[in-house]
Amino acid sequence: MIDLSKFLEDMLEQSEAVRSIISASDVVFEKAKSLNFERVLFTGMGASLHASEVAASFLRYSGIDAESFEMSEIITYSSQELLKRYSTIFLISQSGESAELIRFIEENKALLPSMTLVTNNEKSSAAKAFPDERVFPLFAGNERSMGATKTFVNSIVLTLMISAFKTARRLNFSDLPTRMDEALSHNLSWLAALLSEKRERILVARGFGIGVGKMARLMFAEVAKLSLIFYSGASFRHGPVDLLADKPVVITMNPKGETYDLMHELHNDIYDKCDLITLTNSREGNVKSIYVSDGLEEVLAFIPMMNLLQKTAEEIARNRGFDPGSGVFGTKVTTKE
């Protein structure tokens, strides 16, 4: 029997963490009533930033002016005058202790009334700067691993819950935990072996999947200690498509949705130039597919696809002799910018 790594333990608890935050929806919606969504900024670092990109895309798709920017870049290359233009600024930090977050709050105290904090640590240094009604807990429970799992997924779900509430758009989260468990039940040893080969690994996604794709790139670095290149579907055609000359492994995330046909066209153009695998909730198509996210709408379908990649990265790490979820040079909470 294989001992569970910290990363695998966290992975297996993700669906229950999502159930926890869904069960707290009344509390979330009550707090969200006071938020002004005229113009919204999401900011954070690493996994927190990538999670926020999903909600930012969803809001733009719903007609709300929303952006997502890395916090360290805002600190150095922006100004309070520009930040004043946002009606709500979401600070997303799983720990509530990262160096950039503490500095951002200290340097922008005048903007605290427009800020709200999303965190898994309600007793953190950052949380002390806000009244309870401006702190949104992630309900993810203890996360052991350096590679974010529960907190990443719950950050997506929480910010989407708030965004759907503020735009009066209905999102059905009820089937998501089951679909996540189904994704983690797949035997992916063959994919782990393929991605362990010494050639380029490329991940391609569009729309709501861009933040998830960026997180997969980060997660492969943190957990598997391997480089995974990520491109959006359109940008892949603008030059990087020439990477196909070396016959890479290409994975696409392509649920049914706005750009499904465009991604399907990309598959037709490249399937004979690489090892191509697509993660999809459609049984159409003529390329090697992993069927996942059955029945989920586009914005939620990328979450179980991420779960598949988590499981793959965990197995690769084991095969390479690393302890999944433990850093070699990195730490879970980055206290130095």
C-alpha atoms as a PDB file:
ATOM      1  CA  MET A   1       0.000   0.000   0.000  1.00  0.00           C
ATOM      2  CA  ILE A   2       1.395   3.408  -1.007  1.00  0.00           C
ATOM      3  CA  ASP A   3       1.523   6.072   1.713  1.00  0.00           C
ATOM      4  CA  LEU A   4      -0.501   9.138   0.838  1.00  0.00           C
ATOM      5  CA  SER A   5       1.586  12.190   0.058  1.00  0.00           C
ATOM      6  CA  LYS A   6       0.534  15.543   1.497  1.00  0.00           C
ATOM      7  CA  PHE A   7      -0.461  16.624  -1.994  1.00  0.00           C
ATOM      8  CA  LEU A   8      -2.600  13.512  -2.561  1.00  0.00           C
ATOM      9  CA  GLU A   9      -4.297  13.911   0.817  1.00  0.00           C
ATOM     10  CA  ASP A  10      -5.238  17.475  -0.078  1.00  0.00           C
ATOM     11  CA  MET A  11      -6.399  16.399  -3.542  1.00  0.00           C
ATOM     12  CA  LEU A  12      -8.757  13.784  -2.148  1.00  0.00           C
ATOM     13  CA  GLU A  13     -10.341  16.351   0.192  1.00  0.00           C
ATOM     14  CA  GLN A  14     -11.143  18.866  -2.562  1.00  0.00           C
ATOM     15  CA  SER A  15     -14.708  17.782  -3.253  1.00  0.00           C
ATOM     16  CA  GLU A  16     -15.589  17.964   0.447  1.00  0.00           C
ATOM     17  CA  ALA A  17     -14.052  21.436   0.627  1.00  0.00           C
ATOM     18  CA  VAL A  18     -16.272  22.522  -2.265  1.00  0.00           C
ATOM     19  CA  ARG A  19     -19.308  21.086  -0.499  1.00  0.00           C
ATOM     20  CA  SER A  20     -18.364  23.126   2.567  1.00  0.00           C
ATOM     21  CA  ILE A  21     -18.274  26.398   0.693  1.00  0.00           C
ATOM     22  CA  ILE A  22     -21.500  25.617  -1.163  1.00  0.00           C
ATOM     23  CA  SER A  23     -23.203  24.978   2.179  1.00  0.00           C
ATOM     24  CA  ALA A  24     -22.043  28.444   3.334  1.00  0.00           C
ATOM     25  CA  SER A  25     -23.582  30.208   0.318  1.00  0.00           C
ATOM     26  CA  ASP A  26     -26.123  32.162   2.413  1.00  0.00           C
ATOM     27  CA  VAL A  27     -23.288  33.697   4.456  1.00  0.00           C
ATOM     28  CA  VAL A  28     -21.332  34.481   1.289  1.00  0.00           C
ATOM     29  CA  PHE A  29     -24.304  36.150  -0.408  1.00  0.00           C
ATOM     30  CA  GLU A  30     -25.153  38.218   2.672  1.00  0.00           C
ATOM     31  CA  LYS A  31     -21.627  39.639   2.786  1.00  0.00           C
ATOM     32  CA  ALA A  32     -21.592  40.184  -0.985  1.00  0.00           C
ATOM     33  CA  LYS A  33     -24.664  42.460  -0.886  1.00  0.00           C
ATOM     34  CA  SER A  34     -22.565  45.474   0.105  1.00  0.00           C
ATOM     35  CA  LEU A  35     -19.960  45.049  -2.638  1.00  0.00           C
ATOM     36  CA  ASN A  36     -19.996  47.524  -5.517  1.00  0.00           C
ATOM     37  CA  PHE A  37     -19.358  45.730  -8.803  1.00  0.00           C
ATOM     38  CA  GLU A  38     -19.197  48.759 -11.086  1.00  0.00           C
ATOM     39  CA  ARG A  39     -15.523  48.042 -11.722  1.00  0.00           C
ATOM     40  CA  VAL A  40     -13.703  45.135 -10.105  1.00  0.00           C
ATOM     41  CA  LEU A  41     -10.032  44.286  -9.603  1.00  0.00           C
ATOM     42  CA  PHE A  42      -8.786  40.886  -8.462  1.00  0.00           C
ATOM     43  CA  THR A  43      -5.209  40.669  -7.266  1.00  0.00           C
ATOM     44  CA  GLY A  44      -3.006  38.083  -5.607  1.00  0.00           C
ATOM     45  CA  MET A  45       0.058  35.957  -6.194  1.00  0.00           C
ATOM     46  CA  GLY A  46       0.561  32.485  -7.646  1.00  0.00           C
ATOM     47  CA  ALA A  47      -2.398  30.140  -7.272  1.00  0.00           C
ATOM     48  CA  SER A  48      -4.562  32.901  -5.779  1.00  0.00           C
ATOM     49  CA  LEU A  49      -4.006  35.106  -8.808  1.00  0.00           C
ATOM     50  CA  HIS A  50      -4.724  32.301 -11.274  1.00  0.00           C
ATOM     51  CA  ALA A  51      -7.950  31.371  -9.464  1.00  0.00           C
ATOM     52  CA  SER A  52      -9.159  34.960  -9.711  1.00  0.00           C
ATOM     53  CA  GLU A  53      -8.676  34.994 -13.480  1.00  0.00           C
ATOM     54  CA  VAL A  54     -11.663  32.661 -13.838  1.00  0.00           C
ATOM     55  CA  ALA A  55     -14.029  35.063 -12.058  1.00  0.00           C
ATOM     56  CA  ALA A  56     -12.589  38.053 -13.909  1.00  0.00           C
ATOM     57  CA  SER A  57     -13.316  36.334 -17.234  1.00  0.00           C
ATOM     58  CA  PHE A  58     -16.801  35.382 -16.054  1.00  0.00           C
ATOM     59  CA  LEU A  59     -17.573  38.974 -15.059  1.00  0.00           C
ATOM     60  CA  ARG A  60     -16.323  40.387 -18.359  1.00  0.00           C
ATOM     61  CA  TYR A  61     -18.430  37.791 -20.169  1.00  0.00           C
ATOM     62  CA  SER A  62     -21.377  39.033 -18.087  1.00  0.00           C
ATOM     63  CA  GLY A  63     -20.774  42.681 -19.009  1.00  0.00           C
ATOM     64  CA  ILE A  64     -18.887  43.799 -15.868  1.00  0.00           C
ATOM     65  CA  ASP A  65     -15.580  45.648 -16.117  1.00  0.00           C
ATOM     66  CA  ALA A  66     -13.227  43.264 -14.289  1.00  0.00           C
ATOM     67  CA  GLU A  67      -9.479  42.703 -14.349  1.00  0.00           C
ATOM     68  CA  SER A  68      -6.938  40.453 -12.676  1.00  0.00           C
ATOM     69  CA  PHE A  69      -3.349  41.575 -12.077  1.00  0.00           C
ATOM     70  CA  GLU A  70      -0.384  40.223 -10.134  1.00  0.00           C
ATOM     71  CA  MET A  71      -0.096  42.028  -6.816  1.00  0.00           C
ATOM     72  CA  SER A  72       3.671  42.552  -6.893  1.00  0.00           C
ATOM     73  CA  GLU A  73       3.419  44.270 -10.271  1.00  0.00           C
ATOM     74  CA  ILE A  74       0.653  46.582  -9.038  1.00  0.00           C
ATOM     75  CA  ILE A  75       2.781  47.539  -6.026  1.00  0.00           C
ATOM     76  CA  THR A  76       5.723  48.565  -8.187  1.00  0.00           C
ATOM     77  CA  TYR A  77       4.154  49.652 -11.463  1.00  0.00           C
ATOM     78  CA  SER A  78       0.797  51.184 -10.551  1.00  0.00           C
ATOM     79  CA  SER A  79      -0.485  54.074  -8.445  1.00  0.00           C
ATOM     80  CA  GLN A  80      -3.206  54.839  -5.917  1.00  0.00           C
ATOM     81  CA  GLU A  81      -4.825  57.162  -8.438  1.00  0.00           C
ATOM     82  CA  LEU A  82      -5.368  54.236 -10.786  1.00  0.00           C
ATOM     83  CA  LEU A  83      -6.486  51.923  -7.978  1.00  0.00           C
ATOM     84  CA  LYS A  84      -9.099  54.487  -6.896  1.00  0.00           C
ATOM     85  CA  ARG A  85     -10.955  53.792 -10.140  1.00  0.00           C
ATOM     86  CA  TYR A  86     -11.993  50.335  -8.919  1.00  0.00           C
ATOM     87  CA  SER A  87     -15.183  50.094  -6.895  1.00  0.00           C
ATOM     88  CA  THR A  88     -14.084  46.794  -5.333  1.00  0.00           C
ATOM     89  CA  ILE A  89     -10.590  45.357  -5.010  1.00  0.00           C
ATOM     90  CA  PHE A  90     -10.434  41.654  -4.136  1.00  0.00           C
ATOM     91  CA  LEU A  91      -7.230  40.678  -2.335  1.00  0.00           C
ATOM     92  CA  ILE A  92      -6.883  36.910  -2.623  1.00  0.00           C
ATOM     93  CA  SER A  93      -4.403  35.111  -0.390  1.00  0.00           C
ATOM     94  CA  GLN A  94      -4.738  31.577   0.906  1.00  0.00           C
ATOM     95  CA  SER A  95      -2.474  32.272   3.899  1.00  0.00           C
ATOM     96  CA  GLY A  96      -3.196  35.952   4.447  1.00  0.00           C
ATOM     97  CA  GLU A  97       0.515  36.315   5.246  1.00  0.00           C
ATOM     98  CA  SER A  98       2.362  36.679   1.923  1.00  0.00           C
ATOM     99  CA  ALA A  99       4.929  39.467   1.707  1.00  0.00           C
ATOM    100  CA  GLU A 100       3.214  41.207  -1.199  1.00  0.00           C
ATOM    101  CA  LEU A 101      -0.202  41.195   0.483  1.00  0.00           C
ATOM    102  CA  ILE A 102       1.032  42.774   3.724  1.00  0.00           C
ATOM    103  CA  ARG A 103       2.936  45.412   1.765  1.00  0.00           C
ATOM    104  CA  PHE A 104      -0.058  46.149  -0.488  1.00  0.00           C
ATOM    105  CA  ILE A 105      -2.324  46.777   2.507  1.00  0.00           C
ATOM    106  CA  GLU A 106       0.272  48.920   4.301  1.00  0.00           C
ATOM    107  CA  GLU A 107       0.895  51.104   1.267  1.00  0.00           C
ATOM    108  CA  ASN A 108      -2.782  51.534   0.341  1.00  0.00           C
ATOM    109  CA  LYS A 109      -4.532  52.081   3.663  1.00  0.00           C
ATOM    110  CA  ALA A 110      -6.583  54.908   2.184  1.00  0.00           C
ATOM    111  CA  LEU A 111      -8.193  52.366  -0.147  1.00  0.00           C
ATOM    112  CA  LEU A 112      -9.195  49.856   2.557  1.00  0.00           C
ATOM    113  CA  PRO A 113     -12.910  50.780   2.270  1.00  0.00           C
ATOM    114  CA  SER A 114     -12.923  49.479  -1.321  1.00  0.00           C
ATOM    115  CA  MET A 115     -10.929  46.317  -0.519  1.00  0.00           C
ATOM    116  CA  THR A 116     -12.173  42.893   0.484  1.00  0.00           C
ATOM    117  CA  LEU A 117     -10.097  39.878   1.500  1.00  0.00           C
ATOM    118  CA  VAL A 118     -10.508  36.271   0.348  1.00  0.00           C
ATOM    119  CA  THR A 119      -8.455  33.955   2.542  1.00  0.00           C
ATOM    120  CA  ASN A 120      -8.263  30.535   4.134  1.00  0.00           C
ATOM    121  CA  ASN A 121      -6.927  32.086   7.342  1.00  0.00           C
ATOM    122  CA  GLU A 122      -9.415  34.363   9.103  1.00  0.00           C
ATOM    123  CA  LYS A 123      -6.860  35.001  11.876  1.00  0.00           C
ATOM    124  CA  SER A 124      -4.087  36.099   9.528  1.00  0.00           C
ATOM    125  CA  SER A 125      -2.217  39.391   9.682  1.00  0.00           C
ATOM    126  CA  ALA A 126      -4.115  40.621   6.629  1.00  0.00           C
ATOM    127  CA  ALA A 127      -7.532  39.695   8.034  1.00  0.00           C
ATOM    128  CA  LYS A 128      -6.927  41.906  11.074  1.00  0.00           C
ATOM    129  CA  ALA A 129      -7.025  44.945   8.776  1.00  0.00           C
ATOM    130  CA  PHE A 130     -10.644  44.275   7.756  1.00  0.00           C
ATOM    131  CA  PRO A 131     -14.037  44.088   9.457  1.00  0.00           C
ATOM    132  CA  ASP A 132     -15.627  40.630   9.421  1.00  0.00           C
ATOM    133  CA  GLU A 133     -18.068  41.577   6.668  1.00  0.00           C
ATOM    134  CA  ARG A 134     -15.142  42.286   4.317  1.00  0.00           C
ATOM    135  CA  VAL A 135     -13.405  38.951   4.888  1.00  0.00           C
ATOM    136  CA  PHE A 136     -14.552  35.955   2.834  1.00  0.00           C
ATOM    137  CA  PRO A 137     -13.225  32.655   4.254  1.00  0.00           C
ATOM    138  CA  LEU A 138     -12.472  29.833   1.817  1.00  0.00           C
ATOM    139  CA  PHE A 139     -13.746  26.991   4.051  1.00  0.00           C
ATOM    140  CA  ALA A 140     -11.006  24.784   2.586  1.00  0.00           C
ATOM    141  CA  GLY A 141      -9.719  23.323   5.838  1.00  0.00           C
ATOM    142  CA  ASN A 142      -6.048  22.688   6.508  1.00  0.00           C
ATOM    143  CA  GLU A 143      -3.953  22.484   3.357  1.00  0.00           C
ATOM    144  CA  ARG A 144      -0.719  20.575   3.915  1.00  0.00           C
ATOM    145  CA  SER A 145       0.950  20.762   0.523  1.00  0.00           C
ATOM    146  CA  MET A 146       3.007  23.527  -1.042  1.00  0.00           C
ATOM    147  CA  GLY A 147       1.077  22.968  -4.284  1.00  0.00           C
ATOM    148  CA  ALA A 148      -2.376  24.526  -3.800  1.00  0.00           C
ATOM    149  CA  THR A 149      -5.345  22.189  -4.293  1.00  0.00           C
ATOM    150  CA  LYS A 150      -8.325  22.837  -1.993  1.00  0.00           C
ATOM    151  CA  THR A 151      -7.605  26.525  -1.618  1.00  0.00           C
ATOM    152  CA  PHE A 152      -7.174  26.996  -5.374  1.00  0.00           C
ATOM    153  CA  VAL A 153     -10.458  25.293  -6.249  1.00  0.00           C
ATOM    154  CA  ASN A 154     -12.370  26.991  -3.437  1.00  0.00           C
ATOM    155  CA  SER A 155     -10.970  30.375  -4.500  1.00  0.00           C
ATOM    156  CA  ILE A 156     -12.487  29.781  -7.946  1.00  0.00           C
ATOM    157  CA  VAL A 157     -15.797  28.600  -6.522  1.00  0.00           C
ATOM    158  CA  LEU A 158     -16.093  31.435  -3.988  1.00  0.00           C
ATOM    159  CA  THR A 159     -15.292  34.229  -6.446  1.00  0.00           C
ATOM    160  CA  LEU A 160     -17.664  32.675  -8.999  1.00  0.00           C
ATOM    161  CA  MET A 161     -20.416  32.409  -6.368  1.00  0.00           C
ATOM    162  CA  ILE A 162     -20.025  36.110  -5.568  1.00  0.00           C
ATOM    163  CA  SER A 163     -19.794  37.064  -9.249  1.00  0.00           C
ATOM    164  CA  ALA A 164     -22.898  35.074 -10.203  1.00  0.00           C
ATOM    165  CA  PHE A 165     -24.815  36.605  -7.286  1.00  0.00           C
ATOM    166  CA  LYS A 166     -23.851  40.165  -8.237  1.00  0.00           C
ATOM    167  CA  THR A 167     -24.716  39.658 -11.902  1.00  0.00           C
ATOM    168  CA  ALA A 168     -27.942  37.711 -11.182  1.00  0.00           C
ATOM    169  CA  ARG A 169     -26.652  34.838 -13.289  1.00  0.00           C
ATOM    170  CA  ARG A 170     -27.350  31.318 -12.146  1.00  0.00           C
ATOM    171  CA  LEU A 171     -24.482  28.871 -11.764  1.00  0.00           C
ATOM    172  CA  ASN A 172     -25.265  25.329 -10.654  1.00  0.00           C
ATOM    173  CA  PHE A 173     -22.440  24.092  -8.409  1.00  0.00           C
ATOM    174  CA  SER A 174     -24.325  21.053  -7.081  1.00  0.00           C
ATOM    175  CA  ASP A 175     -22.773  18.475  -9.448  1.00  0.00           C
ATOM    176  CA  LEU A 176     -19.242  19.851  -9.214  1.00  0.00           C
ATOM    177  CA  PRO A 177     -18.000  17.791  -6.210  1.00  0.00           C
ATOM    178  CA  THR A 178     -19.141  14.529  -7.837  1.00  0.00           C
ATOM    179  CA  ARG A 179     -17.454  15.415 -11.116  1.00  0.00           C
ATOM    180  CA  MET A 180     -14.254  16.236  -9.242  1.00  0.00           C
ATOM    181  CA  ASP A 181     -14.252  12.830  -7.557  1.00  0.00           C
ATOM    182  CA  GLU A 182     -14.877  11.169 -10.926  1.00  0.00           C
ATOM    183  CA  ALA A 183     -11.878  12.990 -12.395  1.00  0.00           C
ATOM    184  CA  LEU A 184      -9.622  11.759  -9.594  1.00  0.00           C
ATOM    185  CA  SER A 185     -10.796   8.175 -10.123  1.00  0.00           C
ATOM    186  CA  HIS A 186      -9.183   8.007 -13.592  1.00  0.00           C
ATOM    187  CA  ASN A 187      -6.109   5.814 -14.028  1.00  0.00           C
ATOM    188  CA  LEU A 188      -3.621   8.279 -15.517  1.00  0.00           C
ATOM    189  CA  SER A 189      -0.385   6.308 -15.323  1.00  0.00           C
ATOM    190  CA  TRP A 190      -0.144   6.315 -19.115  1.00  0.00           C
ATOM    191  CA  LEU A 191      -0.398  10.134 -19.172  1.00  0.00           C
ATOM    192  CA  ALA A 192       2.167  10.483 -16.391  1.00  0.00           C
ATOM    193  CA  ALA A 193       4.559   8.278 -18.383  1.00  0.00           C
ATOM    194  CA  LEU A 194       3.980  10.285 -21.570  1.00  0.00           C
ATOM    195  CA  LEU A 195       4.578  13.619 -19.841  1.00  0.00           C
ATOM    196  CA  SER A 196       7.746  12.269 -18.216  1.00  0.00           C
ATOM    197  CA  GLU A 197       9.417  11.829 -21.583  1.00  0.00           C
ATOM    198  CA  LYS A 198      12.193  14.258 -22.465  1.00  0.00           C
ATOM    199  CA  ARG A 199      10.328  16.512 -24.855  1.00  0.00           C
ATOM    200  CA  GLU A 200       8.188  19.623 -24.695  1.00  0.00           C
ATOM    201  CA  ARG A 201       4.910  19.494 -22.754  1.00  0.00           C
ATOM    202  CA  ILE A 202       2.345  22.053 -23.938  1.00  0.00           C
ATOM    203  CA  LEU A 203      -1.057  22.858 -22.432  1.00  0.00           C
ATOM    204  CA  VAL A 204      -3.630  24.870 -24.380  1.00  0.00           C
ATOM    205  CA  ALA A 205      -6.938  26.348 -23.197  1.00  0.00           C
ATOM    206  CA  ARG A 206      -9.203  29.294 -23.849  1.00  0.00           C
ATOM    207  CA  GLY A 207     -11.606  31.584 -22.026  1.00  0.00           C
ATOM    208  CA  PHE A 208     -12.416  30.507 -18.470  1.00  0.00           C
ATOM    209  CA  GLY A 209      -9.670  27.892 -18.733  1.00  0.00           C
ATOM    210  CA  ILE A 210      -6.786  30.343 -19.024  1.00  0.00           C
ATOM    211  CA  GLY A 211      -6.405  30.851 -15.269  1.00  0.00           C
ATOM    212  CA  VAL A 212      -6.658  27.095 -14.733  1.00  0.00           C
ATOM    213  CA  GLY A 213      -4.020  26.496 -17.401  1.00  0.00           C
ATOM    214  CA  LYS A 214      -1.642  28.951 -15.746  1.00  0.00           C
ATOM    215  CA  MET A 215      -2.211  27.185 -12.431  1.00  0.00           C
ATOM    216  CA  ALA A 216      -1.424  23.822 -14.056  1.00  0.00           C
ATOM    217  CA  ARG A 217       1.878  25.292 -15.255  1.00  0.00           C
ATOM    218  CA  LEU A 218       2.664  26.421 -11.689  1.00  0.00           C
ATOM    219  CA  MET A 219       1.538  23.119 -10.199  1.00  0.00           C
ATOM    220  CA  PHE A 220       3.752  21.034 -12.505  1.00  0.00           C
ATOM    221  CA  ALA A 221       6.708  23.178 -11.424  1.00  0.00           C
ATOM    222  CA  GLU A 222       5.905  22.931  -7.699  1.00  0.00           C
ATOM    223  CA  VAL A 223       4.874  19.284  -7.537  1.00  0.00           C
ATOM    224  CA  ALA A 224       6.436  17.387 -10.458  1.00  0.00           C
ATOM    225  CA  LYS A 225       9.478  19.718 -10.791  1.00  0.00           C
ATOM    226  CA  LEU A 226       8.861  19.778 -14.555  1.00  0.00           C
ATOM    227  CA  SER A 227       8.268  22.582 -17.008  1.00  0.00           C
ATOM    228  CA  LEU A 228       4.824  22.731 -18.633  1.00  0.00           C
ATOM    229  CA  ILE A 229       4.351  25.410 -21.277  1.00  0.00           C
ATOM    230  CA  PHE A 230       0.924  27.076 -21.347  1.00  0.00           C
ATOM    231  CA  TYR A 231      -0.699  29.017 -24.200  1.00  0.00           C
ATOM    232  CA  SER A 232      -4.184  30.281 -24.846  1.00  0.00           C
ATOM    233  CA  GLY A 233      -5.746  28.652 -27.902  1.00  0.00           C
ATOM    234  CA  ALA A 234      -5.426  31.660 -30.176  1.00  0.00           C
ATOM    235  CA  SER A 235      -1.943  32.713 -29.045  1.00  0.00           C
ATOM    236  CA  PHE A 236      -0.669  29.189 -29.729  1.00  0.00           C
ATOM    237  CA  ARG A 237      -1.303  29.768 -33.441  1.00  0.00           C
ATOM    238  CA  HIS A 238       0.622  33.067 -33.380  1.00  0.00           C
ATOM    239  CA  GLY A 239       4.113  31.603 -33.589  1.00  0.00           C
ATOM    240  CA  PRO A 240       4.346  28.903 -30.872  1.00  0.00           C
ATOM    241  CA  VAL A 241       2.667  26.462 -33.246  1.00  0.00           C
ATOM    242  CA  ASP A 242       6.160  26.005 -34.704  1.00  0.00           C
ATOM    243  CA  LEU A 243       7.069  24.074 -31.535  1.00  0.00           C
ATOM    244  CA  LEU A 244       5.240  21.185 -33.213  1.00  0.00           C
ATOM    245  CA  ALA A 245       8.397  20.657 -35.263  1.00  0.00           C
ATOM    246  CA  ASP A 246       9.810  18.698 -32.295  1.00  0.00           C
ATOM    247  CA  LYS A 247       6.733  16.459 -31.879  1.00  0.00           C
ATOM    248  CA  PRO A 248       5.758  17.607 -28.361  1.00  0.00           C
ATOM    249  CA  VAL A 249       3.015  16.272 -26.118  1.00  0.00           C
ATOM    250  CA  VAL A 250       0.067  18.682 -26.394  1.00  0.00           C
ATOM    251  CA  ILE A 251      -2.864  18.654 -23.985  1.00  0.00           C
ATOM    252  CA  THR A 252      -5.913  20.811 -24.619  1.00  0.00           C
ATOM    253  CA  MET A 253      -8.800  21.597 -22.284  1.00  0.00           C
ATOM    254  CA  ASN A 254     -11.895  21.877 -24.428  1.00  0.00           C
ATOM    255  CA  PRO A 255     -15.311  21.712 -22.756  1.00  0.00           C
ATOM    256  CA  LYS A 256     -18.484  22.532 -24.633  1.00  0.00           C
ATOM    257  CA  GLY A 257     -18.792  26.296 -24.825  1.00  0.00           C
ATOM    258  CA  GLU A 258     -18.082  29.457 -26.775  1.00  0.00           C
ATOM    259  CA  THR A 259     -14.769  28.378 -28.314  1.00  0.00           C
ATOM    260  CA  TYR A 260     -15.335  24.620 -28.515  1.00  0.00           C
ATOM    261  CA  ASP A 261     -15.486  24.657 -32.330  1.00  0.00           C
ATOM    262  CA  LEU A 262     -12.330  26.784 -32.631  1.00  0.00           C
ATOM    263  CA  MET A 263     -10.413  24.363 -30.419  1.00  0.00           C
ATOM    264  CA  HIS A 264     -11.820  21.449 -32.382  1.00  0.00           C
ATOM    265  CA  GLU A 265     -10.480  23.100 -35.544  1.00  0.00           C
ATOM    266  CA  LEU A 266      -7.074  23.419 -33.863  1.00  0.00           C
ATOM    267  CA  HIS A 267      -7.170  19.687 -33.112  1.00  0.00           C
ATOM    268  CA  ASN A 268      -7.793  18.930 -36.776  1.00  0.00           C
ATOM    269  CA  ASP A 269      -4.826  21.065 -37.774  1.00  0.00           C
ATOM    270  CA  ILE A 270      -2.242  19.620 -35.351  1.00  0.00           C
ATOM    271  CA  TYR A 271      -3.260  16.041 -34.429  1.00  0.00           C
ATOM    272  CA  ASP A 272      -0.767  14.467 -36.860  1.00  0.00           C
ATOM    273  CA  LYS A 273       2.117  16.717 -35.733  1.00  0.00           C
ATOM    274  CA  CYS A 274       2.260  15.815 -32.026  1.00  0.00           C
ATOM    275  CA  ASP A 275       0.930  13.492 -29.350  1.00  0.00           C
ATOM    276  CA  LEU A 276      -2.398  15.225 -28.805  1.00  0.00           C
ATOM    277  CA  ILE A 277      -4.752  14.584 -25.877  1.00  0.00           C
ATOM    278  CA  THR A 278      -7.832  16.626 -25.108  1.00  0.00           C
ATOM    279  CA  LEU A 279      -9.743  16.904 -21.821  1.00  0.00           C
ATOM    280  CA  THR A 280     -13.384  17.384 -22.722  1.00  0.00           C
ATOM    281  CA  ASN A 281     -17.012  16.806 -21.782  1.00  0.00           C
ATOM    282  CA  SER A 282     -17.930  16.120 -25.400  1.00  0.00           C
ATOM    283  CA  ARG A 283     -17.839  12.673 -26.966  1.00  0.00           C
ATOM    284  CA  GLU A 284     -17.387  14.177 -30.422  1.00  0.00           C
ATOM    285  CA  GLY A 285     -14.045  14.548 -32.174  1.00  0.00           C
ATOM    286  CA  ASN A 286     -11.404  12.289 -33.638  1.00  0.00           C
ATOM    287  CA  VAL A 287      -8.454  12.799 -31.250  1.00  0.00           C
ATOM    288  CA  LYS A 288      -7.463  10.937 -28.084  1.00  0.00           C
ATOM    289  CA  SER A 289      -9.791  12.248 -25.364  1.00  0.00           C
ATOM    290  CA  ILE A 290     -10.221  11.983 -21.607  1.00  0.00           C
ATOM    291  CA  TYR A 291     -13.899  12.395 -20.886  1.00  0.00           C
ATOM    292  CA  VAL A 292     -14.452  14.541 -17.807  1.00  0.00           C
ATOM    293  CA  SER A 293     -16.804  17.227 -16.382  1.00  0.00           C
ATOM    294  CA  ASP A 294     -19.958  15.547 -17.675  1.00  0.00           C
ATOM    295  CA  GLY A 295     -22.863  18.010 -17.744  1.00  0.00           C
ATOM    296  CA  LEU A 296     -20.986  20.961 -16.238  1.00  0.00           C
ATOM    297  CA  GLU A 297     -21.276  24.328 -17.911  1.00  0.00           C
ATOM    298  CA  GLU A 298     -18.152  25.773 -19.463  1.00  0.00           C
ATOM    299  CA  VAL A 299     -16.967  27.972 -16.576  1.00  0.00           C
ATOM    300  CA  LEU A 300     -17.061  25.054 -14.090  1.00  0.00           C
ATOM    301  CA  ALA A 301     -15.895  22.297 -16.431  1.00  0.00           C
ATOM    302  CA  PHE A 302     -12.236  23.300 -16.136  1.00  0.00           C
ATOM    303  CA  ILE A 303     -12.098  22.423 -12.424  1.00  0.00           C
ATOM    304  CA  PRO A 304     -12.301  18.609 -12.824  1.00  0.00           C
ATOM    305  CA  MET A 305      -9.869  18.947 -15.733  1.00  0.00           C
ATOM    306  CA  MET A 306      -7.436  20.538 -13.294  1.00  0.00           C
ATOM    307  CA  ASN A 307      -8.028  17.616 -10.927  1.00  0.00           C
ATOM    308  CA  LEU A 308      -6.876  15.242 -13.667  1.00  0.00           C
ATOM    309  CA  LEU A 309      -3.681  17.232 -14.100  1.00  0.00           C
ATOM    310  CA  GLN A 310      -3.137  17.303 -10.328  1.00  0.00           C
ATOM    311  CA  LYS A 311      -3.299  13.524 -10.166  1.00  0.00           C
ATOM    312  CA  THR A 312      -0.919  13.229 -13.111  1.00  0.00           C
ATOM    313  CA  ALA A 313       1.612  15.631 -11.581  1.00  0.00           C
ATOM    314  CA  GLU A 314       1.476  13.747  -8.272  1.00  0.00           C
ATOM    315  CA  GLU A 315       2.316  10.463  -9.979  1.00  0.00           C
ATOM    316  CA  ILE A 316       5.127  12.037 -11.996  1.00  0.00           C
ATOM    317  CA  ALA A 317       6.642  13.455  -8.803  1.00  0.00           C
ATOM    318  CA  ARG A 318       6.623  10.022  -7.156  1.00  0.00           C
ATOM    319  CA  ASN A 319       8.179   8.397 -10.221  1.00  0.00           C
ATOM    320  CA  ARG A 320      10.939  11.022 -10.212  1.00  0.00           C
ATOM    321  CA  GLY A 321      11.717  10.452  -6.543  1.00  0.00           C
ATOM    322  CA  PHE A 322      10.204  13.657  -5.165  1.00  0.00           C
ATOM    323  CA  ASP A 323       7.807  13.985  -2.233  1.00  0.00           C
ATOM    324  CA  PRO A 324       4.694  15.484  -3.881  1.00  0.00           C
ATOM    325  CA  GLY A 325       3.745  18.696  -2.164  1.00  0.00           C
ATOM    326  CA  SER A 326       7.116  19.329  -0.542  1.00  0.00           C
ATOM    327  CA  GLY A 327       9.310  22.107  -1.835  1.00  0.00           C
ATOM    328  CA  VAL A 328      12.976  21.760  -2.704  1.00  0.00           C
ATOM    329  CA  PHE A 329      13.696  25.481  -2.807  1.00  0.00           C
ATOM    330  CA  GLY A 330      10.203  26.977  -2.424  1.00  0.00           C
ATOM    331  CA  THR A 331       7.902  27.299   0.593  1.00  0.00           C
ATOM    332  CA  LYS A 332       4.132  27.328   0.938  1.00  0.00           C
ATOM    333  CA  VAL A 333       3.983  30.873   2.300  1.00  0.00           C
ATOM    334  CA  THR A 334       6.320  33.264   0.499  1.00  0.00           C
ATOM    335  CA  THR A 335       7.483  35.825   3.046  1.00  0.00           C
ATOM    336  CA  LYS A 336      10.096  37.490   0.835  1.00  0.00           C
ATOM    337  CA  GLU A 337       9.201  39.237  -2.408  1.00  0.00           C
END
